[in-house]
């Protein structure tokens, strides 16, 4: 019985550690090349004549998220903002 309790405690401890906070490598002001290098799964969604490019990253988590899509807005090669959304095509409506 003691072994079962110890195993359960170990599983809980390891599970909590994997959910701990990790600092994101994505920062406002980073270049588009840096972003693409650190986020190979990012999809280019839109290119604008004004110099704005929009990328999308889809969360591939086992736990369902309420906002699984993240949109990243680059103006003249620099990240200016990012938005989380629950819809796959929100980048068309968020400017």
Protein backbone atom coordinates (compact mmCIF):
# COMPACT_ATOMS: atom_id res chain seq x y z
CA UNK A 1 0.00 0.00 0.00
CA UNK A 2 2.87 2.38 0.79
CA UNK A 3 4.35 1.74 -2.66
CA UNK A 4 1.08 2.68 -4.35
CA UNK A 5 0.89 5.94 -2.40
CA UNK A 6 4.52 6.77 -3.25
CA UNK A 7 3.93 6.05 -6.92
CA UNK A 8 0.83 8.27 -6.92
CA UNK A 9 2.76 11.10 -5.26
CA UNK A 10 5.59 10.75 -7.77
CA UNK A 11 3.15 10.90 -10.68
CA UNK A 12 1.49 14.02 -9.27
CA UNK A 13 4.86 15.70 -8.67
CA UNK A 14 6.07 14.95 -12.19
CA UNK A 15 2.76 16.08 -13.68
CA UNK A 16 2.90 19.39 -11.87
CA UNK A 17 6.45 20.02 -12.95
CA UNK A 18 5.59 19.65 -16.63
CA UNK A 19 2.91 22.31 -16.26
CA UNK A 20 5.21 24.84 -14.64
CA UNK A 21 5.72 28.27 -16.19
CA UNK A 22 8.23 28.52 -19.01
CA UNK A 23 9.20 31.83 -20.52
CA UNK A 24 8.18 32.13 -24.15
CA UNK A 25 10.89 32.72 -26.74
CA UNK A 26 8.47 35.04 -28.58
CA UNK A 27 9.01 38.73 -27.80
CA UNK A 28 7.51 41.90 -29.23
CA UNK A 29 10.12 43.47 -31.50
CA UNK A 30 11.77 40.20 -32.54
CA UNK A 31 12.51 39.82 -36.25
CA UNK A 32 10.45 37.69 -38.57
CA UNK A 33 13.46 35.44 -39.25
CA UNK A 34 13.99 34.80 -35.51
CA UNK A 35 10.30 33.97 -35.16
CA UNK A 36 10.36 31.49 -38.06
CA UNK A 37 13.51 29.86 -36.67
CA UNK A 38 11.99 29.29 -33.22
CA UNK A 39 8.50 28.37 -34.52
CA UNK A 40 8.87 26.05 -37.47
CA UNK A 41 5.18 25.12 -37.30
CA UNK A 42 4.07 28.74 -37.89
CA UNK A 43 1.94 29.18 -41.00
CA UNK A 44 2.03 32.38 -43.06
CA UNK A 45 -1.63 33.41 -43.31
CA UNK A 46 -1.52 36.83 -44.95
CA UNK A 47 0.85 39.18 -46.75
CA UNK A 48 -0.21 42.81 -47.09
CA UNK A 49 1.15 45.51 -49.42
CA UNK A 50 1.60 47.80 -46.41
CA UNK A 51 4.36 45.52 -45.06
CA UNK A 52 2.23 43.47 -42.65
CA UNK A 53 2.64 39.68 -42.50
CA UNK A 54 0.44 37.50 -40.29
CA UNK A 55 1.46 34.05 -39.02
CA UNK A 56 -0.65 31.47 -37.20
CA UNK A 57 0.38 28.81 -34.68
CA UNK A 58 -2.08 26.11 -33.68
CA UNK A 59 -1.79 24.59 -30.21
CA UNK A 60 -1.21 20.85 -30.36
CA UNK A 61 -1.89 20.14 -26.71
CA UNK A 62 -3.51 17.01 -25.27
CA UNK A 63 -5.62 19.25 -23.07
CA UNK A 64 -8.22 21.16 -25.15
CA UNK A 65 -7.73 24.93 -24.98
CA UNK A 66 -10.40 27.58 -25.30
CA UNK A 67 -8.12 29.61 -27.60
CA UNK A 68 -6.03 27.13 -29.62
CA UNK A 69 -4.94 29.64 -32.30
CA UNK A 70 -2.32 32.35 -31.93
CA UNK A 71 -1.84 35.04 -34.57
CA UNK A 72 1.39 37.01 -34.86
CA UNK A 73 1.49 40.35 -36.67
CA UNK A 74 4.76 41.54 -38.23
CA UNK A 75 5.15 45.03 -39.62
CA UNK A 76 8.23 45.63 -41.75
CA UNK A 77 9.87 42.47 -40.40
CA UNK A 78 9.29 43.14 -36.66
CA UNK A 79 6.72 41.51 -34.38
CA UNK A 80 4.26 44.21 -33.33
CA UNK A 81 1.53 42.18 -31.61
CA UNK A 82 -0.04 38.78 -31.15
CA UNK A 83 -3.58 37.65 -30.48
CA UNK A 84 -5.07 34.38 -29.22
CA UNK A 85 -8.38 33.22 -30.65
CA UNK A 86 -10.82 30.34 -30.74
CA UNK A 87 -11.47 30.68 -34.51
CA UNK A 88 -9.09 29.57 -37.24
CA UNK A 89 -9.72 32.57 -39.49
CA UNK A 90 -9.82 35.45 -36.99
CA UNK A 91 -6.71 37.03 -38.52
CA UNK A 92 -9.03 38.37 -41.26
CA UNK A 93 -11.07 40.36 -38.76
CA UNK A 94 -8.51 41.44 -36.14
CA UNK A 95 -6.40 44.39 -37.26
